[in-house]
Amino acid sequence: MKYAFFDTKSYDIPSFQKYGDENNIEFKFFETKLNADTASLAEGCDGVCVFVNDTVDAEVIDRHYAVGVRAVALRCAGYNNVDVKHAFGKLHVFHVPAYSPYAVAEHAIALLLTSIRRIHKAYIRTKDYNFSLSGLTGFDLHGKTVGVIGTGRIGRVFIDICKGFGMKVLAYDKFPSPDSGIDYVGLDALFSQSDIISLHCPLTEETYHMIGADAIARMKKGVVIINTSRGALIDAEALLAGIKSRHVGAACLDVYEEESDIFFEDFSGHIMDDDTLARLISMPNVIVTSHQAFLTEEALNNIAETTVGNILEFSEKGYCENELCYRCGKTESCKNGKRRCF
């Protein structure tokens, strides 16, 4: 089998090369992102392997289907960049539902601790032999209330870590986990009672800009907002306004809604065209990392192993447990009796 591998980074190749060679799958690695202009690179391939900023819209799907491509292997959990509805009946779409919930949850905590204890500022100061403590006062996590939106695998690991700090946890999920011991509340209660809010939910039409001006107005003054999920869960302009008005105390962002042409690339020495991102980064109470929460050795290995496993399972059995199916409306949970969805 042959798969065109788009948006390749140096850290992707070793693990995918290893599992590909072991299972007779040839990956053609391309640095370019997948879009309508680059779709032709997949000609002659059985499928494509894509990441979060590749575009798999109707045009790309039709072009691939016309040249015999029949599968889209996502090497991530989210699939908001794939037109799953249009793909139905043409391309089978697989994803990696859980590669390392610990990697993402731990990164969220790292961002939080760095922000509230001013670690980033202290690091820069001591590099200049400035050992003053002025302006570095933080606050304890113990006893604080954290609101967790999304209680899937990552959200639950994050909750466990927060409980270890002695925090009170409130959670919201459209589909609460029964018998989990998690204290579920409505969004209004979560917004109004939480000192810290962390997002761990997928990006859908329903969750797009769920953190906007109205939501921020309902939050506590001084709230800390963490996002390690998808950038468009937060209205960046509304967040910026909340920070400038001093209503939002801090923001910890590993994702950004307009990140696709910025993150994963080196623009040092260049002028930032995105004014909103430039202003967010300039704020002393904002920390931005470039979608690196997943980036651990364990996660990279698990991503490659599961992605290759998805390809093999579909090829050998005719179905894949991790297929995303539009047919029945249960995109992630449709197993269709372990048969092909089409």
C-alpha atoms as a PDB file:
ATOM      1  CA  MET A   1       0.000   0.000   0.000  1.00  0.00           C
ATOM      2  CA  LYS A   2       1.048   3.569  -0.653  1.00  0.00           C
ATOM      3  CA  TYR A   3      -0.051   6.635   1.321  1.00  0.00           C
ATOM      4  CA  ALA A   4       0.717  10.294   0.614  1.00  0.00           C
ATOM      5  CA  PHE A   5       1.786  11.882   3.908  1.00  0.00           C
ATOM      6  CA  PHE A   6       1.112  15.638   4.039  1.00  0.00           C
ATOM      7  CA  ASP A   7       2.413  18.413   6.317  1.00  0.00           C
ATOM      8  CA  THR A   8       5.436  16.312   7.271  1.00  0.00           C
ATOM      9  CA  LYS A   9       7.711  17.452  10.078  1.00  0.00           C
ATOM     10  CA  SER A  10      11.049  15.926  11.026  1.00  0.00           C
ATOM     11  CA  TYR A  11       9.595  14.365  14.172  1.00  0.00           C
ATOM     12  CA  ASP A  12       6.907  12.526  12.149  1.00  0.00           C
ATOM     13  CA  ILE A  13       9.188  10.466   9.952  1.00  0.00           C
ATOM     14  CA  PRO A  14      11.012   8.022  12.300  1.00  0.00           C
ATOM     15  CA  SER A  15       7.937   6.405  13.859  1.00  0.00           C
ATOM     16  CA  PHE A  16       5.870   6.309  10.660  1.00  0.00           C
ATOM     17  CA  GLN A  17       8.834   4.971   8.691  1.00  0.00           C
ATOM     18  CA  LYS A  18       9.295   2.248  11.301  1.00  0.00           C
ATOM     19  CA  TYR A  19       5.680   1.074  11.407  1.00  0.00           C
ATOM     20  CA  GLY A  20       5.283   1.521   7.652  1.00  0.00           C
ATOM     21  CA  ASP A  21       8.305  -0.645   6.850  1.00  0.00           C
ATOM     22  CA  GLU A  22       7.173  -3.318   9.319  1.00  0.00           C
ATOM     23  CA  ASN A  23       3.757  -3.552   7.637  1.00  0.00           C
ATOM     24  CA  ASN A  24       4.627  -3.059   3.979  1.00  0.00           C
ATOM     25  CA  ILE A  25       3.120   0.432   3.762  1.00  0.00           C
ATOM     26  CA  GLU A  26       5.020   3.038   1.768  1.00  0.00           C
ATOM     27  CA  PHE A  27       4.615   6.598   2.999  1.00  0.00           C
ATOM     28  CA  LYS A  28       5.447   9.356   0.510  1.00  0.00           C
ATOM     29  CA  PHE A  29       6.390  12.266   2.757  1.00  0.00           C
ATOM     30  CA  PHE A  30       5.477  15.788   1.596  1.00  0.00           C
ATOM     31  CA  GLU A  31       6.269  18.941   3.568  1.00  0.00           C
ATOM     32  CA  THR A  32       3.393  20.811   1.954  1.00  0.00           C
ATOM     33  CA  LYS A  33      -0.065  20.872   3.481  1.00  0.00           C
ATOM     34  CA  LEU A  34      -2.929  19.165   1.709  1.00  0.00           C
ATOM     35  CA  ASN A  35      -5.341  21.466  -0.110  1.00  0.00           C
ATOM     36  CA  ALA A  36      -6.892  21.802  -3.568  1.00  0.00           C
ATOM     37  CA  ASP A  37      -3.564  22.919  -5.056  1.00  0.00           C
ATOM     38  CA  THR A  38      -1.570  19.981  -3.666  1.00  0.00           C
ATOM     39  CA  ALA A  39      -4.182  17.220  -3.922  1.00  0.00           C
ATOM     40  CA  SER A  40      -2.616  15.913  -7.156  1.00  0.00           C
ATOM     41  CA  LEU A  41       0.448  14.756  -5.178  1.00  0.00           C
ATOM     42  CA  ALA A  42      -1.641  11.814  -3.950  1.00  0.00           C
ATOM     43  CA  GLU A  43      -2.231  10.421  -7.439  1.00  0.00           C
ATOM     44  CA  GLY A  44      -1.265   6.752  -7.554  1.00  0.00           C
ATOM     45  CA  CYS A  45      -1.729   6.349  -3.793  1.00  0.00           C
ATOM     46  CA  ASP A  46      -4.279   4.243  -1.942  1.00  0.00           C
ATOM     47  CA  GLY A  47      -4.850   6.932   0.641  1.00  0.00           C
ATOM     48  CA  VAL A  48      -3.609  10.099   2.298  1.00  0.00           C
ATOM     49  CA  CYS A  49      -2.308  10.682   5.833  1.00  0.00           C
ATOM     50  CA  VAL A  50      -3.174  14.159   7.150  1.00  0.00           C
ATOM     51  CA  PHE A  51      -2.869  16.347  10.242  1.00  0.00           C
ATOM     52  CA  VAL A  52      -4.834  19.166  11.861  1.00  0.00           C
ATOM     53  CA  ASN A  53      -4.056  21.943   9.370  1.00  0.00           C
ATOM     54  CA  ASP A  54      -4.532  19.937   6.177  1.00  0.00           C
ATOM     55  CA  THR A  55      -7.713  20.731   4.252  1.00  0.00           C
ATOM     56  CA  VAL A  56      -9.917  17.804   3.280  1.00  0.00           C
ATOM     57  CA  ASP A  57     -12.903  19.653   1.875  1.00  0.00           C
ATOM     58  CA  ALA A  58     -15.347  18.654  -0.863  1.00  0.00           C
ATOM     59  CA  GLU A  59     -13.023  19.704  -3.684  1.00  0.00           C
ATOM     60  CA  VAL A  60     -10.064  17.756  -2.289  1.00  0.00           C
ATOM     61  CA  ILE A  61     -12.245  14.714  -1.640  1.00  0.00           C
ATOM     62  CA  ASP A  62     -13.603  14.729  -5.215  1.00  0.00           C
ATOM     63  CA  ARG A  63     -10.132  15.116  -6.711  1.00  0.00           C
ATOM     64  CA  HIS A  64      -8.810  12.227  -4.653  1.00  0.00           C
ATOM     65  CA  TYR A  65     -11.771   9.995  -5.404  1.00  0.00           C
ATOM     66  CA  ALA A  66     -11.330  10.638  -9.135  1.00  0.00           C
ATOM     67  CA  VAL A  67      -7.750   9.308  -9.081  1.00  0.00           C
ATOM     68  CA  GLY A  68      -8.450   6.223  -6.955  1.00  0.00           C
ATOM     69  CA  VAL A  69      -7.644   7.467  -3.443  1.00  0.00           C
ATOM     70  CA  ARG A  70     -10.035   5.710  -1.082  1.00  0.00           C
ATOM     71  CA  ALA A  71      -8.934   6.503   2.469  1.00  0.00           C
ATOM     72  CA  VAL A  72      -8.041   9.450   4.676  1.00  0.00           C
ATOM     73  CA  ALA A  73      -5.919   8.459   7.684  1.00  0.00           C
ATOM     74  CA  LEU A  74      -5.982  11.283  10.217  1.00  0.00           C
ATOM     75  CA  ARG A  75      -3.028  11.213  12.584  1.00  0.00           C
ATOM     76  CA  CYS A  76      -4.945  13.184  15.211  1.00  0.00           C
ATOM     77  CA  ALA A  77      -8.202  12.981  17.154  1.00  0.00           C
ATOM     78  CA  GLY A  78      -9.976  16.065  15.797  1.00  0.00           C
ATOM     79  CA  TYR A  79     -11.580  16.010  12.365  1.00  0.00           C
ATOM     80  CA  ASN A  80     -13.072  19.486  11.942  1.00  0.00           C
ATOM     81  CA  ASN A  81     -10.821  19.961   8.882  1.00  0.00           C
ATOM     82  CA  VAL A  82     -12.503  17.039   7.083  1.00  0.00           C
ATOM     83  CA  ASP A  83     -15.867  17.261   5.330  1.00  0.00           C
ATOM     84  CA  VAL A  84     -17.031  13.915   6.719  1.00  0.00           C
ATOM     85  CA  LYS A  85     -20.474  14.324   5.167  1.00  0.00           C
ATOM     86  CA  HIS A  86     -19.082  14.784   1.658  1.00  0.00           C
ATOM     87  CA  ALA A  87     -16.583  11.969   2.158  1.00  0.00           C
ATOM     88  CA  PHE A  88     -19.361   9.467   2.871  1.00  0.00           C
ATOM     89  CA  GLY A  89     -19.707   7.035  -0.014  1.00  0.00           C
ATOM     90  CA  LYS A  90     -16.334   8.055  -1.448  1.00  0.00           C
ATOM     91  CA  LEU A  91     -13.464   8.108   1.030  1.00  0.00           C
ATOM     92  CA  HIS A  92     -13.225   6.212   4.306  1.00  0.00           C
ATOM     93  CA  VAL A  93     -11.941   8.447   7.099  1.00  0.00           C
ATOM     94  CA  PHE A  94     -10.067   7.115  10.153  1.00  0.00           C
ATOM     95  CA  HIS A  95      -8.736   9.017  13.148  1.00  0.00           C
ATOM     96  CA  VAL A  96      -6.656   8.440  16.279  1.00  0.00           C
ATOM     97  CA  PRO A  97      -9.122   8.892  19.140  1.00  0.00           C
ATOM     98  CA  ALA A  98      -6.528   8.569  21.907  1.00  0.00           C
ATOM     99  CA  TYR A  99      -2.788   8.795  21.389  1.00  0.00           C
ATOM    100  CA  SER A 100      -1.756  10.107  24.788  1.00  0.00           C
ATOM    101  CA  PRO A 101      -4.302  11.913  26.930  1.00  0.00           C
ATOM    102  CA  TYR A 102      -1.513  12.403  29.453  1.00  0.00           C
ATOM    103  CA  ALA A 103       0.574  14.437  27.011  1.00  0.00           C
ATOM    104  CA  VAL A 104      -2.168  17.007  26.383  1.00  0.00           C
ATOM    105  CA  ALA A 105      -3.494  17.134  29.949  1.00  0.00           C
ATOM    106  CA  GLU A 106       0.005  17.539  31.384  1.00  0.00           C
ATOM    107  CA  HIS A 107       0.767  20.328  28.909  1.00  0.00           C
ATOM    108  CA  ALA A 108      -2.389  22.135  29.988  1.00  0.00           C
ATOM    109  CA  ILE A 109      -1.231  21.930  33.606  1.00  0.00           C
ATOM    110  CA  ALA A 110       2.273  23.059  32.606  1.00  0.00           C
ATOM    111  CA  LEU A 111       0.803  26.138  30.925  1.00  0.00           C
ATOM    112  CA  LEU A 112      -1.341  26.870  33.965  1.00  0.00           C
ATOM    113  CA  LEU A 113       1.512  26.571  36.466  1.00  0.00           C
ATOM    114  CA  THR A 114       3.851  28.586  34.262  1.00  0.00           C
ATOM    115  CA  SER A 115       1.275  31.354  34.012  1.00  0.00           C
ATOM    116  CA  ILE A 116       0.105  31.667  37.602  1.00  0.00           C
ATOM    117  CA  ARG A 117       3.569  31.269  39.138  1.00  0.00           C
ATOM    118  CA  ARG A 118       5.208  33.552  36.546  1.00  0.00           C
ATOM    119  CA  ILE A 119       7.813  30.911  35.671  1.00  0.00           C
ATOM    120  CA  HIS A 120       8.337  32.320  32.181  1.00  0.00           C
ATOM    121  CA  LYS A 121       9.044  35.791  33.547  1.00  0.00           C
ATOM    122  CA  ALA A 122      11.397  34.511  36.241  1.00  0.00           C
ATOM    123  CA  TYR A 123      13.306  32.472  33.661  1.00  0.00           C
ATOM    124  CA  ILE A 124      13.909  35.526  31.474  1.00  0.00           C
ATOM    125  CA  ARG A 125      14.914  37.658  34.474  1.00  0.00           C
ATOM    126  CA  THR A 126      17.474  35.272  35.869  1.00  0.00           C
ATOM    127  CA  LYS A 127      19.086  34.949  32.434  1.00  0.00           C
ATOM    128  CA  ASP A 128      19.998  38.623  32.957  1.00  0.00           C
ATOM    129  CA  TYR A 129      21.023  37.939  36.592  1.00  0.00           C
ATOM    130  CA  ASN A 130      17.943  39.803  37.802  1.00  0.00           C
ATOM    131  CA  PHE A 131      16.820  37.979  40.952  1.00  0.00           C
ATOM    132  CA  SER A 132      14.141  40.430  42.041  1.00  0.00           C
ATOM    133  CA  LEU A 133      10.777  38.928  43.032  1.00  0.00           C
ATOM    134  CA  SER A 134       8.823  42.084  42.257  1.00  0.00           C
ATOM    135  CA  GLY A 135       5.771  41.332  40.121  1.00  0.00           C
ATOM    136  CA  LEU A 136       6.109  37.552  40.409  1.00  0.00           C
ATOM    137  CA  THR A 137       3.410  36.914  43.026  1.00  0.00           C
ATOM    138  CA  GLY A 138       1.118  34.077  42.001  1.00  0.00           C
ATOM    139  CA  PHE A 139      -1.636  32.113  43.723  1.00  0.00           C
ATOM    140  CA  ASP A 140      -2.192  28.589  45.059  1.00  0.00           C
ATOM    141  CA  LEU A 141      -4.084  26.056  42.986  1.00  0.00           C
ATOM    142  CA  HIS A 142      -5.172  24.281  46.178  1.00  0.00           C
ATOM    143  CA  GLY A 143      -8.746  25.210  47.008  1.00  0.00           C
ATOM    144  CA  LYS A 144      -9.456  26.881  43.671  1.00  0.00           C
ATOM    145  CA  THR A 145     -12.350  25.868  41.432  1.00  0.00           C
ATOM    146  CA  VAL A 146     -11.536  24.627  37.947  1.00  0.00           C
ATOM    147  CA  GLY A 147     -14.175  24.268  35.266  1.00  0.00           C
ATOM    148  CA  VAL A 148     -13.485  21.540  32.715  1.00  0.00           C
ATOM    149  CA  ILE A 149     -15.418  21.628  29.441  1.00  0.00           C
ATOM    150  CA  GLY A 150     -15.271  18.175  27.873  1.00  0.00           C
ATOM    151  CA  THR A 151     -14.753  15.005  29.896  1.00  0.00           C
ATOM    152  CA  GLY A 152     -13.351  12.621  27.337  1.00  0.00           C
ATOM    153  CA  ARG A 153     -10.035  10.864  27.882  1.00  0.00           C
ATOM    154  CA  ILE A 154      -7.981  14.070  28.042  1.00  0.00           C
ATOM    155  CA  GLY A 155     -10.508  15.928  30.163  1.00  0.00           C
ATOM    156  CA  ARG A 156     -10.659  13.110  32.715  1.00  0.00           C
ATOM    157  CA  VAL A 157      -6.859  12.945  33.027  1.00  0.00           C
ATOM    158  CA  PHE A 158      -6.803  16.719  33.491  1.00  0.00           C
ATOM    159  CA  ILE A 159      -9.472  16.391  36.189  1.00  0.00           C
ATOM    160  CA  ASP A 160      -7.435  13.744  38.017  1.00  0.00           C
ATOM    161  CA  ILE A 161      -4.372  16.004  38.023  1.00  0.00           C
ATOM    162  CA  CYS A 162      -6.419  18.947  39.311  1.00  0.00           C
ATOM    163  CA  LYS A 163      -7.827  16.820  42.116  1.00  0.00           C
ATOM    164  CA  GLY A 164      -4.257  15.955  43.044  1.00  0.00           C
ATOM    165  CA  PHE A 165      -3.633  19.654  43.600  1.00  0.00           C
ATOM    166  CA  GLY A 166      -6.624  19.806  45.926  1.00  0.00           C
ATOM    167  CA  MET A 167      -8.817  21.748  43.517  1.00  0.00           C
ATOM    168  CA  LYS A 168     -12.596  21.664  43.320  1.00  0.00           C
ATOM    169  CA  VAL A 169     -13.663  20.409  39.881  1.00  0.00           C
ATOM    170  CA  LEU A 170     -16.813  21.374  37.988  1.00  0.00           C
ATOM    171  CA  ALA A 171     -17.428  19.897  34.559  1.00  0.00           C
ATOM    172  CA  TYR A 172     -19.661  20.306  31.546  1.00  0.00           C
ATOM    173  CA  ASP A 173     -20.175  17.782  28.781  1.00  0.00           C
ATOM    174  CA  LYS A 174     -23.037  17.376  26.332  1.00  0.00           C
ATOM    175  CA  PHE A 175     -22.788  13.653  27.042  1.00  0.00           C
ATOM    176  CA  PRO A 176     -21.882  13.260  30.751  1.00  0.00           C
ATOM    177  CA  SER A 177     -19.984  10.151  31.768  1.00  0.00           C
ATOM    178  CA  PRO A 178     -22.241   8.113  34.097  1.00  0.00           C
ATOM    179  CA  ASP A 179     -20.875   6.816  37.395  1.00  0.00           C
ATOM    180  CA  SER A 180     -17.676   8.808  36.902  1.00  0.00           C
ATOM    181  CA  GLY A 181     -17.885  10.725  40.152  1.00  0.00           C
ATOM    182  CA  ILE A 182     -17.519  13.963  38.190  1.00  0.00           C
ATOM    183  CA  ASP A 183     -19.563  16.957  39.373  1.00  0.00           C
ATOM    184  CA  TYR A 184     -21.428  18.017  36.211  1.00  0.00           C
ATOM    185  CA  VAL A 185     -23.047  21.455  36.034  1.00  0.00           C
ATOM    186  CA  GLY A 186     -24.487  23.686  33.323  1.00  0.00           C
ATOM    187  CA  LEU A 187     -22.270  26.101  31.422  1.00  0.00           C
ATOM    188  CA  ASP A 188     -23.691  29.124  33.241  1.00  0.00           C
ATOM    189  CA  ALA A 189     -22.750  27.662  36.618  1.00  0.00           C
ATOM    190  CA  LEU A 190     -19.334  26.596  35.353  1.00  0.00           C
ATOM    191  CA  PHE A 191     -18.600  30.066  33.937  1.00  0.00           C
ATOM    192  CA  SER A 192     -19.751  31.935  37.045  1.00  0.00           C
ATOM    193  CA  GLN A 193     -18.083  29.707  39.659  1.00  0.00           C
ATOM    194  CA  SER A 194     -14.737  28.749  38.102  1.00  0.00           C
ATOM    195  CA  ASP A 195     -11.427  30.443  38.865  1.00  0.00           C
ATOM    196  CA  ILE A 196      -9.855  28.498  35.985  1.00  0.00           C
ATOM    197  CA  ILE A 197     -11.542  27.132  32.844  1.00  0.00           C
ATOM    198  CA  SER A 198      -9.915  24.491  30.629  1.00  0.00           C
ATOM    199  CA  LEU A 199     -11.263  23.353  27.257  1.00  0.00           C
ATOM    200  CA  HIS A 200     -11.071  19.679  26.284  1.00  0.00           C
ATOM    201  CA  CYS A 201     -13.866  19.287  23.746  1.00  0.00           C
ATOM    202  CA  PRO A 202     -13.972  18.855  19.951  1.00  0.00           C
ATOM    203  CA  LEU A 203     -14.668  21.678  17.523  1.00  0.00           C
ATOM    204  CA  THR A 204     -18.133  21.373  16.006  1.00  0.00           C
ATOM    205  CA  GLU A 205     -20.740  23.810  14.724  1.00  0.00           C
ATOM    206  CA  GLU A 206     -22.179  23.800  18.230  1.00  0.00           C
ATOM    207  CA  THR A 207     -18.897  24.505  20.035  1.00  0.00           C
ATOM    208  CA  TYR A 208     -17.525  27.076  17.561  1.00  0.00           C
ATOM    209  CA  HIS A 209     -16.696  30.262  19.548  1.00  0.00           C
ATOM    210  CA  MET A 210     -18.301  28.812  22.670  1.00  0.00           C
ATOM    211  CA  ILE A 211     -15.980  31.162  24.551  1.00  0.00           C
ATOM    212  CA  GLY A 212     -17.069  34.519  23.174  1.00  0.00           C
ATOM    213  CA  ALA A 213     -17.965  37.928  24.564  1.00  0.00           C
ATOM    214  CA  ASP A 214     -21.172  36.708  26.251  1.00  0.00           C
ATOM    215  CA  ALA A 215     -19.477  33.733  27.882  1.00  0.00           C
ATOM    216  CA  ILE A 216     -16.552  35.822  29.113  1.00  0.00           C
ATOM    217  CA  ALA A 217     -18.951  38.370  30.615  1.00  0.00           C
ATOM    218  CA  ARG A 218     -20.481  35.565  32.706  1.00  0.00           C
ATOM    219  CA  MET A 219     -17.087  34.472  34.049  1.00  0.00           C
ATOM    220  CA  LYS A 220     -15.409  35.537  37.262  1.00  0.00           C
ATOM    221  CA  LYS A 221     -13.211  38.603  37.064  1.00  0.00           C
ATOM    222  CA  GLY A 222      -9.621  37.368  36.869  1.00  0.00           C
ATOM    223  CA  VAL A 223     -10.503  33.978  35.349  1.00  0.00           C
ATOM    224  CA  VAL A 224      -7.691  31.957  33.769  1.00  0.00           C
ATOM    225  CA  ILE A 225      -8.636  30.339  30.430  1.00  0.00           C
ATOM    226  CA  ILE A 226      -6.739  27.330  29.047  1.00  0.00           C
ATOM    227  CA  ASN A 227      -7.198  25.903  25.550  1.00  0.00           C
ATOM    228  CA  THR A 228      -5.304  22.828  24.343  1.00  0.00           C
ATOM    229  CA  SER A 229      -8.105  21.549  22.086  1.00  0.00           C
ATOM    230  CA  ARG A 230      -9.039  23.573  18.981  1.00  0.00           C
ATOM    231  CA  GLY A 231      -8.439  27.263  18.449  1.00  0.00           C
ATOM    232  CA  ALA A 232     -11.888  28.177  17.168  1.00  0.00           C
ATOM    233  CA  LEU A 233     -13.489  27.155  20.453  1.00  0.00           C
ATOM    234  CA  ILE A 234     -12.472  30.668  21.506  1.00  0.00           C
ATOM    235  CA  ASP A 235     -13.325  33.912  19.740  1.00  0.00           C
ATOM    236  CA  ALA A 236      -9.835  35.403  19.744  1.00  0.00           C
ATOM    237  CA  GLU A 237     -11.074  38.988  19.389  1.00  0.00           C
ATOM    238  CA  ALA A 238     -13.431  38.547  22.343  1.00  0.00           C
ATOM    239  CA  LEU A 239     -10.622  37.013  24.397  1.00  0.00           C
ATOM    240  CA  LEU A 240      -8.356  39.922  23.571  1.00  0.00           C
ATOM    241  CA  ALA A 241     -11.082  42.374  24.623  1.00  0.00           C
ATOM    242  CA  GLY A 242     -11.570  40.456  27.875  1.00  0.00           C
ATOM    243  CA  ILE A 243      -7.855  40.654  28.610  1.00  0.00           C
ATOM    244  CA  LYS A 244      -7.643  44.372  27.790  1.00  0.00           C
ATOM    245  CA  SER A 245     -10.621  45.103  30.066  1.00  0.00           C
ATOM    246  CA  ARG A 246      -8.869  43.167  32.871  1.00  0.00           C
ATOM    247  CA  HIS A 247     -11.825  40.784  33.149  1.00  0.00           C
ATOM    248  CA  VAL A 248      -9.739  37.804  31.968  1.00  0.00           C
ATOM    249  CA  GLY A 249      -6.796  37.368  34.315  1.00  0.00           C
ATOM    250  CA  ALA A 250      -4.699  35.145  32.039  1.00  0.00           C
ATOM    251  CA  ALA A 251      -4.898  32.983  28.942  1.00  0.00           C
ATOM    252  CA  CYS A 252      -2.897  29.839  28.192  1.00  0.00           C
ATOM    253  CA  LEU A 253      -3.238  28.891  24.528  1.00  0.00           C
ATOM    254  CA  ASP A 254      -1.731  25.939  22.697  1.00  0.00           C
ATOM    255  CA  VAL A 255      -4.103  26.500  19.769  1.00  0.00           C
ATOM    256  CA  TYR A 256      -5.389  29.521  17.864  1.00  0.00           C
ATOM    257  CA  GLU A 257      -8.316  29.787  15.485  1.00  0.00           C
ATOM    258  CA  GLU A 258      -6.245  31.131  12.576  1.00  0.00           C
ATOM    259  CA  GLU A 259      -3.210  28.942  13.224  1.00  0.00           C
ATOM    260  CA  SER A 260      -3.183  26.913   9.997  1.00  0.00           C
ATOM    261  CA  ASP A 261      -0.721  29.148   8.129  1.00  0.00           C
ATOM    262  CA  ILE A 262       1.331  30.070  11.197  1.00  0.00           C
ATOM    263  CA  PHE A 263       1.838  27.245  13.672  1.00  0.00           C
ATOM    264  CA  PHE A 264       4.527  24.602  13.062  1.00  0.00           C
ATOM    265  CA  GLU A 265       6.566  27.114  11.015  1.00  0.00           C
ATOM    266  CA  ASP A 266       9.495  29.427  11.857  1.00  0.00           C
ATOM    267  CA  PHE A 267       8.603  33.092  11.331  1.00  0.00           C
ATOM    268  CA  SER A 268      11.315  34.530  13.547  1.00  0.00           C
ATOM    269  CA  GLY A 269      12.712  37.651  11.924  1.00  0.00           C
ATOM    270  CA  HIS A 270       9.448  38.235  10.046  1.00  0.00           C
ATOM    271  CA  ILE A 271       6.650  40.701  10.705  1.00  0.00           C
ATOM    272  CA  MET A 272       3.538  38.988  12.050  1.00  0.00           C
ATOM    273  CA  ASP A 273       0.633  39.666   9.698  1.00  0.00           C
ATOM    274  CA  ASP A 274      -1.993  38.366  12.120  1.00  0.00           C
ATOM    275  CA  ASP A 275      -2.636  41.418  14.302  1.00  0.00           C
ATOM    276  CA  THR A 276      -4.844  39.557  16.781  1.00  0.00           C
ATOM    277  CA  LEU A 277      -2.253  36.878  17.474  1.00  0.00           C
ATOM    278  CA  ALA A 278       0.505  39.497  17.669  1.00  0.00           C
ATOM    279  CA  ARG A 279      -1.472  41.458  20.253  1.00  0.00           C
ATOM    280  CA  LEU A 280      -2.266  38.326  22.269  1.00  0.00           C
ATOM    281  CA  ILE A 281       1.399  37.316  22.366  1.00  0.00           C
ATOM    282  CA  SER A 282       2.358  40.831  23.445  1.00  0.00           C
ATOM    283  CA  MET A 283       0.153  40.634  26.539  1.00  0.00           C
ATOM    284  CA  PRO A 284       2.112  39.887  29.754  1.00  0.00           C
ATOM    285  CA  ASN A 285      -0.603  37.514  31.008  1.00  0.00           C
ATOM    286  CA  VAL A 286      -0.870  35.401  27.848  1.00  0.00           C
ATOM    287  CA  ILE A 287       1.208  32.301  27.080  1.00  0.00           C
ATOM    288  CA  VAL A 288       1.067  30.851  23.569  1.00  0.00           C
ATOM    289  CA  THR A 289       2.630  27.559  22.530  1.00  0.00           C
ATOM    290  CA  SER A 290       2.400  26.361  18.946  1.00  0.00           C
ATOM    291  CA  HIS A 291       0.079  23.339  19.155  1.00  0.00           C
ATOM    292  CA  GLN A 292       2.728  21.281  20.927  1.00  0.00           C
ATOM    293  CA  ALA A 293       0.617  19.648  23.642  1.00  0.00           C
ATOM    294  CA  PHE A 294       0.683  16.331  21.762  1.00  0.00           C
ATOM    295  CA  LEU A 295       4.447  16.419  21.249  1.00  0.00           C
ATOM    296  CA  THR A 296       5.914  13.699  23.444  1.00  0.00           C
ATOM    297  CA  GLU A 297       7.853  10.621  22.401  1.00  0.00           C
ATOM    298  CA  GLU A 298       5.103   8.383  23.720  1.00  0.00           C
ATOM    299  CA  ALA A 299       2.377  10.247  21.849  1.00  0.00           C
ATOM    300  CA  LEU A 300       4.285  10.297  18.550  1.00  0.00           C
ATOM    301  CA  ASN A 301       4.814   6.558  18.767  1.00  0.00           C
ATOM    302  CA  ASN A 302       1.175   5.922  19.645  1.00  0.00           C
ATOM    303  CA  ILE A 303      -0.036   8.151  16.805  1.00  0.00           C
ATOM    304  CA  ALA A 304       2.041   6.255  14.254  1.00  0.00           C
ATOM    305  CA  GLU A 305       1.143   2.848  15.664  1.00  0.00           C
ATOM    306  CA  THR A 306      -2.602   3.581  15.724  1.00  0.00           C
ATOM    307  CA  THR A 307      -2.654   5.255  12.318  1.00  0.00           C
ATOM    308  CA  VAL A 308      -0.888   2.313  10.696  1.00  0.00           C
ATOM    309  CA  GLY A 309      -3.162  -0.034  12.641  1.00  0.00           C
ATOM    310  CA  ASN A 310      -6.206   1.754  11.229  1.00  0.00           C
ATOM    311  CA  ILE A 311      -4.889   1.368   7.683  1.00  0.00           C
ATOM    312  CA  LEU A 312      -4.141  -2.334   8.172  1.00  0.00           C
ATOM    313  CA  GLU A 313      -7.431  -3.115   9.885  1.00  0.00           C
ATOM    314  CA  PHE A 314      -9.424  -1.549   7.087  1.00  0.00           C
ATOM    315  CA  SER A 315      -7.336  -3.258   4.423  1.00  0.00           C
ATOM    316  CA  GLU A 316      -7.463  -6.697   6.011  1.00  0.00           C
ATOM    317  CA  LYS A 317     -10.925  -6.789   7.610  1.00  0.00           C
ATOM    318  CA  GLY A 318     -12.924  -4.391   5.499  1.00  0.00           C
ATOM    319  CA  TYR A 319     -13.801  -2.143   8.428  1.00  0.00           C
ATOM    320  CA  CYS A 320     -12.003  -0.032  11.017  1.00  0.00           C
ATOM    321  CA  GLU A 321     -13.003   0.559  14.618  1.00  0.00           C
ATOM    322  CA  ASN A 322     -11.753   4.148  14.371  1.00  0.00           C
ATOM    323  CA  GLU A 323     -13.632   5.059  11.201  1.00  0.00           C
ATOM    324  CA  LEU A 324     -15.576   8.310  11.226  1.00  0.00           C
ATOM    325  CA  CYS A 325     -18.997   7.630   9.752  1.00  0.00           C
ATOM    326  CA  TYR A 326     -21.576  10.200   8.711  1.00  0.00           C
ATOM    327  CA  ARG A 327     -24.285   7.718   7.728  1.00  0.00           C
ATOM    328  CA  CYS A 328     -25.996   7.205  11.091  1.00  0.00           C
ATOM    329  CA  GLY A 329     -25.096  10.545  12.667  1.00  0.00           C
ATOM    330  CA  LYS A 330     -22.846   8.901  15.260  1.00  0.00           C
ATOM    331  CA  THR A 331     -19.636  10.121  13.709  1.00  0.00           C
ATOM    332  CA  GLU A 332     -17.214   8.689  16.244  1.00  0.00           C
ATOM    333  CA  SER A 333     -19.177   5.852  17.785  1.00  0.00           C
ATOM    334  CA  CYS A 334     -20.707   4.132  14.743  1.00  0.00           C
ATOM    335  CA  LYS A 335     -19.287   0.620  14.467  1.00  0.00           C
ATOM    336  CA  ASN A 336     -22.042  -0.617  12.131  1.00  0.00           C
ATOM    337  CA  GLY A 337     -21.764  -4.177  13.409  1.00  0.00           C
ATOM    338  CA  LYS A 338     -18.089  -4.301  12.392  1.00  0.00           C
ATOM    339  CA  ARG A 339     -18.931  -3.853   8.734  1.00  0.00           C
ATOM    340  CA  ARG A 340     -18.032  -1.193   6.227  1.00  0.00           C
ATOM    341  CA  CYS A 341     -20.099   1.947   6.652  1.00  0.00           C
ATOM    342  CA  PHE A 342     -20.448   2.017   2.842  1.00  0.00           C
END
